């Protein structure tokens, strides 16, 4: 028996050192990429190693739940407005001289960011650092009373690690834009700063369609100067009647959903009225986004929902639903809260301006609907 003891000890040794279910002679194979031949384009990623911790986290970990909301001062004649490009670059045909004239016709002085017209990059209006620097200078400049994003597209989220938005708590100023700029609106909401969802200079028209765009830019002007008090809308067959009050939040649906799990994610645990709009999406993706909001619990705590333009939707026939509002209705109607459809805001004209972060009362009945900004 003593001759078999060494064998038993060796067996016990292997049993305690080898992972269960593996064989020492067949170690796990290293994981490889599915497409080793694919070459991704080299993209500049924001560096965070040299950024102060407080700046990378928007200056604090406090949220709109604990910070009192601040309302920037409305513009007055003679104020200065800055135009920056946090995301995509401008089109070649854009007439910046006429944009300046439009803003100056509002009795405003205009400062353009150093890189707002940068076209050296394939997509972005300058590097992340350059775009962030333009926006930061406008935030830090005491003479600037409002900041307009020139256009959307994509790219604002790449600036967040490079920005310090906390000076806006000491010197609040309006930041205005829509689409991709929803990222900044969400960040400002977390910081407790009101902002404006509205038309951007890239959308200003000076051709034969200028009359169609005019209500959009005029709505932006009225919001900047404090002339927006309420929006009245006609009845819509999908409206859900009721009355509710909460802070208006939201913007582009895809950007809202993309922010889930980040410091800027939409929180709805305080009284919230959600505004959503979208452009150029397949309807099955709209359904997926609504699933995300539903399963995360964001929808269940809302006080009301306001639906804007859902423009150029695709894939309806294949998905079996032609009307995007039918997809939304399946999620919103069961909530038992007021729902407004047909608000003219988003990726087509008119694109009415909205105060995000502002307490708003929503009323819906058979005669129509209204948003009353408080």
Protein backbone atom coordinates (compact mmCIF):
# COMPACT_ATOMS: atom_id res chain seq x y z
CA UNK A 1 0.00 0.00 0.00
CA UNK A 2 2.89 2.35 0.76
CA UNK A 3 3.93 2.01 -2.90
CA UNK A 4 0.65 3.53 -4.09
CA UNK A 5 0.81 6.53 -1.73
CA UNK A 6 3.00 8.70 -4.03
CA UNK A 7 0.56 8.07 -6.89
CA UNK A 8 -2.37 9.13 -4.73
CA UNK A 9 -0.54 12.29 -3.69
CA UNK A 10 0.21 13.17 -7.31
CA UNK A 11 -3.44 12.70 -8.27
CA UNK A 12 -4.55 14.94 -5.42
CA UNK A 13 -2.03 17.57 -6.48
CA UNK A 14 -3.37 17.70 -10.04
CA UNK A 15 -6.97 17.74 -8.79
CA UNK A 16 -6.33 20.84 -6.64
CA UNK A 17 -4.27 22.82 -9.15
CA UNK A 18 -6.06 22.14 -12.45
CA UNK A 19 -9.34 24.07 -12.95
CA UNK A 20 -12.41 21.91 -13.03
CA UNK A 21 -13.41 20.87 -16.49
CA UNK A 22 -10.00 21.54 -18.08
CA UNK A 23 -7.29 19.18 -19.17
CA UNK A 24 -3.64 20.05 -18.56
CA UNK A 25 -2.72 18.77 -21.99
CA UNK A 26 -5.35 21.02 -23.67
CA UNK A 27 -4.97 24.55 -22.24
CA UNK A 28 -7.59 27.16 -23.27
CA UNK A 29 -6.93 28.65 -26.68
CA UNK A 30 -6.29 32.40 -26.79
CA UNK A 31 -9.23 34.49 -28.05
CA UNK A 32 -8.78 36.07 -31.44
CA UNK A 33 -10.68 38.78 -33.24
CA UNK A 34 -13.37 37.67 -35.62
CA UNK A 35 -12.02 39.77 -38.48
CA UNK A 36 -8.25 40.20 -38.09
CA UNK A 37 -8.04 41.68 -41.56
CA UNK A 38 -10.41 44.54 -40.73
CA UNK A 39 -8.67 47.87 -40.12
CA UNK A 40 -10.62 50.46 -38.15
CA UNK A 41 -10.04 54.14 -38.91
CA UNK A 42 -7.74 55.82 -36.44
CA UNK A 43 -9.85 58.11 -34.25
CA UNK A 44 -8.64 60.57 -31.68
CA UNK A 45 -9.86 59.62 -28.22
CA UNK A 46 -10.07 62.17 -25.42
CA UNK A 47 -7.23 61.93 -22.94
CA UNK A 48 -8.31 61.86 -19.32
CA UNK A 49 -4.98 61.31 -17.58
CA UNK A 50 -4.22 65.04 -17.35
CA UNK A 51 -7.76 66.23 -16.69
CA UNK A 52 -8.65 67.19 -13.11
CA UNK A 53 -11.07 64.68 -11.67
CA UNK A 54 -13.67 67.32 -11.01
CA UNK A 55 -13.62 68.49 -14.62
CA UNK A 56 -13.97 65.00 -16.07
CA UNK A 57 -17.06 64.45 -13.94
CA UNK A 58 -18.67 67.77 -14.93
CA UNK A 59 -17.28 69.29 -11.80
CA UNK A 60 -19.12 67.18 -9.25
CA UNK A 61 -21.14 64.06 -8.60
CA UNK A 62 -24.16 66.06 -7.50
CA UNK A 63 -27.30 65.76 -9.58
CA UNK A 64 -30.42 67.71 -10.36
CA UNK A 65 -31.95 65.96 -7.34
CA UNK A 66 -29.76 67.96 -4.95
CA UNK A 67 -28.88 71.13 -6.88
CA UNK A 68 -31.36 73.98 -7.25
CA UNK A 69 -31.95 74.75 -10.91
CA UNK A 70 -30.48 77.99 -12.18
CA UNK A 71 -32.00 80.07 -14.96
CA UNK A 72 -29.56 82.10 -17.07
CA UNK A 73 -30.38 85.75 -17.60
CA UNK A 74 -32.43 86.41 -20.71
CA UNK A 75 -30.62 88.27 -23.46
CA UNK A 76 -30.88 92.00 -23.93
CA UNK A 77 -29.99 94.23 -26.86
CA UNK A 78 -26.22 94.65 -27.02
CA UNK A 79 -25.39 91.28 -25.44
CA UNK A 80 -22.77 88.97 -26.94
CA UNK A 81 -23.59 85.51 -28.26
CA UNK A 82 -20.98 82.87 -29.15
CA UNK A 83 -21.26 80.34 -31.98
CA UNK A 84 -19.23 77.13 -31.59
CA UNK A 85 -19.16 73.71 -33.27
CA UNK A 86 -19.11 70.89 -30.68
CA UNK A 87 -19.83 68.18 -33.23
CA UNK A 88 -19.85 67.90 -37.04
CA UNK A 89 -18.23 70.30 -39.46
CA UNK A 90 -20.17 72.77 -41.56
CA UNK A 91 -21.28 72.27 -45.15
CA UNK A 92 -19.27 73.99 -47.86
CA UNK A 93 -22.29 75.96 -49.06
CA UNK A 94 -22.94 77.48 -45.64
CA UNK A 95 -23.04 81.31 -45.73
CA UNK A 96 -21.50 82.40 -42.44
CA UNK A 97 -21.77 86.08 -43.33
CA UNK A 98 -25.54 85.82 -43.52
CA UNK A 99 -25.61 83.89 -40.24
CA UNK A 100 -23.75 86.76 -38.59
CA UNK A 101 -26.18 89.23 -40.14
CA UNK A 102 -29.16 87.25 -38.83
CA UNK A 103 -27.84 87.24 -35.27
CA UNK A 104 -26.79 90.88 -35.45
CA UNK A 105 -30.32 91.75 -36.61
CA UNK A 106 -31.38 90.61 -33.13
CA UNK A 107 -29.20 93.45 -31.73
CA UNK A 108 -26.53 91.02 -30.59
CA UNK A 109 -22.76 91.02 -30.90
CA UNK A 110 -21.42 87.76 -32.33
CA UNK A 111 -18.27 85.83 -31.46
CA UNK A 112 -17.40 82.77 -33.53
CA UNK A 113 -15.30 80.00 -32.05
CA UNK A 114 -11.81 79.62 -33.49
CA UNK A 115 -12.61 76.24 -35.01
CA UNK A 116 -16.35 76.55 -35.66
CA UNK A 117 -15.73 76.50 -39.44
CA UNK A 118 -12.87 73.97 -39.36
CA UNK A 119 -13.07 71.55 -42.29
CA UNK A 120 -9.67 69.88 -41.93
CA UNK A 121 -11.17 66.72 -40.40
CA UNK A 122 -13.26 64.18 -42.34
CA UNK A 123 -16.26 64.61 -40.04
CA UNK A 124 -15.65 66.71 -36.94
CA UNK A 125 -15.21 70.49 -36.84
CA UNK A 126 -11.64 70.20 -35.55
CA UNK A 127 -10.11 67.82 -33.05
CA UNK A 128 -11.84 66.98 -29.79
CA UNK A 129 -9.42 69.25 -27.93
CA UNK A 130 -10.01 72.13 -30.35
CA UNK A 131 -13.78 71.87 -30.21
CA UNK A 132 -13.74 71.56 -26.43
CA UNK A 133 -11.44 74.57 -26.13
CA UNK A 134 -13.82 76.70 -28.22
CA UNK A 135 -16.76 75.74 -26.02
CA UNK A 136 -14.77 76.19 -22.81
CA UNK A 137 -13.65 79.68 -23.83
CA UNK A 138 -17.26 80.66 -24.47
CA UNK A 139 -18.28 79.24 -21.08
CA UNK A 140 -15.47 81.08 -19.29
CA UNK A 141 -15.87 84.40 -21.17
CA UNK A 142 -17.90 86.74 -18.93
CA UNK A 143 -18.92 88.85 -21.93
CA UNK A 144 -20.72 85.90 -23.58
CA UNK A 145 -24.34 85.58 -22.43
CA UNK A 146 -25.44 82.69 -24.68
CA UNK A 147 -23.77 79.93 -26.68
CA UNK A 148 -25.22 78.52 -29.90
CA UNK A 149 -24.12 75.16 -31.22
CA UNK A 150 -23.58 75.65 -34.94
CA UNK A 151 -24.88 72.20 -35.86
CA UNK A 152 -25.35 68.70 -34.53
CA UNK A 153 -24.46 65.43 -36.23
CA UNK A 154 -22.22 63.62 -33.76
CA UNK A 155 -19.32 64.45 -31.48
CA UNK A 156 -20.53 66.40 -28.43
CA UNK A 157 -20.17 63.39 -26.15
CA UNK A 158 -16.45 63.18 -26.98
CA UNK A 159 -15.95 66.62 -25.39
CA UNK A 160 -17.38 65.82 -21.96
CA UNK A 161 -14.11 64.52 -20.44
CA UNK A 162 -12.38 67.71 -21.64
CA UNK A 163 -14.92 70.22 -20.32
CA UNK A 164 -15.48 71.90 -16.99
CA UNK A 165 -19.09 73.05 -16.93
CA UNK A 166 -19.07 74.09 -13.29
CA UNK A 167 -18.39 77.80 -14.04
CA UNK A 168 -22.00 77.85 -15.28
CA UNK A 169 -23.12 77.40 -11.67
CA UNK A 170 -21.47 80.73 -10.87
CA UNK A 171 -22.30 82.49 -14.14
CA UNK A 172 -25.22 80.74 -15.87
CA UNK A 173 -25.60 81.36 -19.59
CA UNK A 174 -27.85 79.84 -22.22
CA UNK A 175 -26.59 76.93 -24.30
CA UNK A 176 -28.85 76.26 -27.28
CA UNK A 177 -29.10 73.55 -29.92
CA UNK A 178 -30.74 70.20 -30.60
CA UNK A 179 -30.08 66.75 -32.05
CA UNK A 180 -26.55 65.71 -30.95
CA UNK A 181 -26.54 68.70 -28.58
CA UNK A 182 -28.94 66.66 -26.45
CA UNK A 183 -25.74 65.35 -24.84
CA UNK A 184 -24.96 68.83 -23.52
CA UNK A 185 -28.56 69.36 -22.42
CA UNK A 186 -28.38 66.18 -20.37
CA UNK A 187 -25.09 67.29 -18.80
CA UNK A 188 -26.57 70.68 -17.96
CA UNK A 189 -29.62 69.04 -16.43
CA UNK A 190 -27.36 67.04 -14.11
CA UNK A 191 -25.67 70.30 -13.17
CA UNK A 192 -28.98 72.10 -12.59
CA UNK A 193 -28.77 74.63 -15.45
CA UNK A 194 -31.68 75.45 -17.77
CA UNK A 195 -30.94 75.31 -21.52
CA UNK A 196 -32.71 75.79 -24.84
CA UNK A 197 -33.66 73.04 -27.29
CA UNK A 198 -33.98 74.94 -30.56
CA UNK A 199 -32.83 75.81 -34.03
CA UNK A 200 -29.11 76.05 -34.84
CA UNK A 201 -27.36 78.41 -37.29
CA UNK A 202 -26.63 75.55 -39.71
CA UNK A 203 -30.40 75.33 -40.18
CA UNK A 204 -30.94 79.02 -40.90
CA UNK A 205 -32.29 79.39 -44.42
CA UNK A 206 -31.65 82.28 -46.78
CA UNK A 207 -33.02 80.79 -50.02
CA UNK A 208 -36.50 80.17 -51.37
CA UNK A 209 -37.29 78.08 -48.27
CA UNK A 210 -36.37 80.84 -45.84
CA UNK A 211 -40.01 81.51 -45.06
CA UNK A 212 -40.47 77.89 -43.94
CA UNK A 213 -37.51 78.12 -41.57
CA UNK A 214 -38.35 81.60 -40.25
CA UNK A 215 -40.64 80.38 -37.42
CA UNK A 216 -37.79 78.16 -36.18
CA UNK A 217 -35.16 80.88 -35.87
CA UNK A 218 -37.75 83.33 -34.56
CA UNK A 219 -38.71 80.82 -31.87
CA UNK A 220 -35.04 80.60 -30.88
CA UNK A 221 -34.81 84.39 -30.65
CA UNK A 222 -37.94 84.57 -28.51
CA UNK A 223 -36.62 81.92 -26.13
CA UNK A 224 -33.25 83.66 -25.77
CA UNK A 225 -34.95 86.98 -24.99
CA UNK A 226 -37.43 85.46 -22.54
CA UNK A 227 -40.51 85.85 -24.71
CA UNK A 228 -41.54 82.18 -24.61
CA UNK A 229 -44.27 81.55 -22.05
CA UNK A 230 -46.51 78.86 -23.52
CA UNK A 231 -47.13 76.71 -26.58
CA UNK A 232 -50.68 75.85 -27.66
CA UNK A 233 -51.33 72.90 -29.96
CA UNK A 234 -54.36 71.57 -31.83
CA UNK A 235 -55.93 68.20 -30.94
CA UNK A 236 -54.17 65.02 -32.02
CA UNK A 237 -55.91 61.66 -32.31
CA UNK A 238 -53.26 59.93 -30.19
CA UNK A 239 -53.16 62.50 -27.38
CA UNK A 240 -53.80 61.19 -23.87
CA UNK A 241 -55.77 63.71 -21.76
CA UNK A 242 -54.72 64.96 -18.36
CA UNK A 243 -52.69 67.61 -16.56
CA UNK A 244 -49.27 67.34 -14.95
CA UNK A 245 -46.28 69.44 -13.91
CA UNK A 246 -42.58 68.59 -13.95
CA UNK A 247 -39.23 69.74 -15.26
CA UNK A 248 -38.92 69.37 -19.02
CA UNK A 249 -36.09 67.06 -20.08
CA UNK A 250 -35.01 65.15 -23.15
CA UNK A 251 -34.34 65.83 -26.79
CA UNK A 252 -33.15 63.31 -29.36
CA UNK A 253 -34.33 59.81 -28.43
CA UNK A 254 -31.21 57.97 -29.64
CA UNK A 255 -28.90 60.30 -27.69
CA UNK A 256 -31.01 59.92 -24.54
CA UNK A 257 -30.76 56.13 -24.77
CA UNK A 258 -27.03 56.25 -25.56
CA UNK A 259 -26.45 58.13 -22.31
CA UNK A 260 -27.76 55.24 -20.19
CA UNK A 261 -25.18 54.16 -17.64
CA UNK A 262 -23.16 57.39 -17.94
CA UNK A 263 -23.07 60.37 -15.55
CA UNK A 264 -25.37 62.19 -17.97
CA UNK A 265 -28.09 59.54 -18.10
CA UNK A 266 -31.63 60.81 -17.81
CA UNK A 267 -32.92 60.52 -14.26
CA UNK A 268 -36.68 60.64 -13.77
CA UNK A 269 -36.95 60.14 -10.02
CA UNK A 270 -37.97 63.78 -9.60
CA UNK A 271 -41.11 65.15 -11.34
CA UNK A 272 -40.15 65.02 -15.03
CA UNK A 273 -41.90 65.78 -18.31
CA UNK A 274 -40.08 63.99 -21.14
CA UNK A 275 -39.75 65.47 -24.63
CA UNK A 276 -38.55 63.20 -27.46
CA UNK A 277 -37.88 63.61 -31.18
CA UNK A 278 -36.01 61.58 -33.78
CA UNK A 279 -34.86 61.54 -37.40
CA UNK A 280 -33.78 58.93 -39.96
CA UNK A 281 -34.26 55.83 -37.79
CA UNK A 282 -35.65 52.40 -38.54
CA UNK A 283 -38.86 51.75 -36.64
CA UNK A 284 -37.51 48.60 -35.05
CA UNK A 285 -34.77 50.75 -33.52
CA UNK A 286 -37.38 53.15 -32.17
CA UNK A 287 -39.02 50.15 -30.56
CA UNK A 288 -35.68 49.05 -29.13
CA UNK A 289 -35.09 52.50 -27.63
CA UNK A 290 -38.52 52.52 -26.04
CA UNK A 291 -37.82 49.05 -24.65
CA UNK A 292 -34.67 50.45 -23.08
CA UNK A 293 -36.55 53.31 -21.41
CA UNK A 294 -39.31 50.99 -20.26
CA UNK A 295 -37.07 48.25 -18.88
CA UNK A 296 -34.84 50.77 -17.09
CA UNK A 297 -37.89 52.14 -15.27
CA UNK A 298 -37.48 55.62 -16.76
CA UNK A 299 -40.97 55.70 -18.27
CA UNK A 300 -42.83 54.53 -15.19
CA UNK A 301 -41.93 57.59 -13.10
CA UNK A 302 -42.68 60.28 -15.70
CA UNK A 303 -45.38 62.89 -15.12
CA UNK A 304 -46.08 63.51 -18.84
CA UNK A 305 -44.58 62.96 -22.30
CA UNK A 306 -44.37 65.38 -25.24
CA UNK A 307 -43.66 63.92 -28.68
CA UNK A 308 -42.06 66.09 -31.35
CA UNK A 309 -41.14 65.42 -34.98
CA UNK A 310 -40.28 61.85 -35.93
CA UNK A 311 -38.85 62.63 -39.35
CA UNK A 312 -37.90 60.32 -42.24
CA UNK A 313 -38.56 57.09 -40.39
CA UNK A 314 -37.58 53.92 -42.25
CA UNK A 315 -38.38 50.21 -42.37
CA UNK A 316 -42.04 50.54 -41.48
CA UNK A 317 -43.30 48.02 -44.01
CA UNK A 318 -40.78 45.39 -42.93
CA UNK A 319 -41.50 46.02 -39.25
CA UNK A 320 -45.23 45.90 -39.89
CA UNK A 321 -45.92 49.40 -38.58
CA UNK A 322 -46.05 52.44 -40.85
CA UNK A 323 -46.75 55.12 -38.23
CA UNK A 324 -43.89 55.76 -35.74
CA UNK A 325 -46.43 57.18 -33.30
CA UNK A 326 -48.07 53.76 -33.18
CA UNK A 327 -44.81 52.35 -31.83
CA UNK A 328 -44.60 55.10 -29.21
CA UNK A 329 -48.26 54.80 -28.30
CA UNK A 330 -47.84 51.16 -27.29
CA UNK A 331 -45.45 52.28 -24.54
CA UNK A 332 -46.87 55.66 -23.57
CA UNK A 333 -50.64 55.11 -23.42
CA UNK A 334 -50.48 52.41 -20.71
CA UNK A 335 -48.60 54.83 -18.41
CA UNK A 336 -51.84 56.66 -17.63
CA UNK A 337 -50.20 60.09 -17.84
CA UNK A 338 -50.81 63.03 -20.21
CA UNK A 339 -49.21 62.57 -23.63
CA UNK A 340 -48.97 65.23 -26.33
CA UNK A 341 -48.31 64.29 -29.94
CA UNK A 342 -47.53 66.68 -32.76
CA UNK A 343 -45.34 69.26 -31.04
CA UNK A 344 -43.50 70.93 -33.95
CA UNK A 345 -39.98 70.55 -32.60
CA UNK A 346 -37.10 68.51 -33.97
CA UNK A 347 -35.56 67.79 -37.36
CA UNK A 348 -37.96 69.71 -39.59
CA UNK A 349 -39.61 73.10 -39.74
CA UNK A 350 -41.07 74.53 -37.73
CA UNK A 351 -38.68 73.63 -34.96
CA UNK A 352 -40.07 75.44 -31.94
CA UNK A 353 -37.77 76.29 -29.06
CA UNK A 354 -38.22 74.70 -25.62
CA UNK A 355 -36.79 75.50 -22.21
CA UNK A 356 -35.19 72.29 -20.95
CA UNK A 357 -34.79 72.09 -17.18
CA UNK A 358 -37.74 74.48 -16.78
CA UNK A 359 -40.79 73.48 -14.79
CA UNK A 360 -43.65 73.10 -17.26
CA UNK A 361 -47.34 72.35 -16.90
CA UNK A 362 -48.82 70.07 -19.54
CA UNK A 363 -52.56 70.18 -20.21
CA UNK A 364 -54.33 67.89 -22.69
CA UNK A 365 -58.05 67.70 -23.44
CA UNK A 366 -60.39 67.29 -26.40
CA UNK A 367 -59.84 70.92 -27.41
CA UNK A 368 -56.07 70.54 -27.79
CA UNK A 369 -52.94 70.72 -25.66
CA UNK A 370 -50.66 73.29 -24.10
CA UNK A 371 -47.26 73.64 -22.45
CA UNK A 372 -47.05 76.43 -19.88
CA UNK A 373 -43.49 77.35 -18.87
CA UNK A 374 -43.38 78.44 -15.24
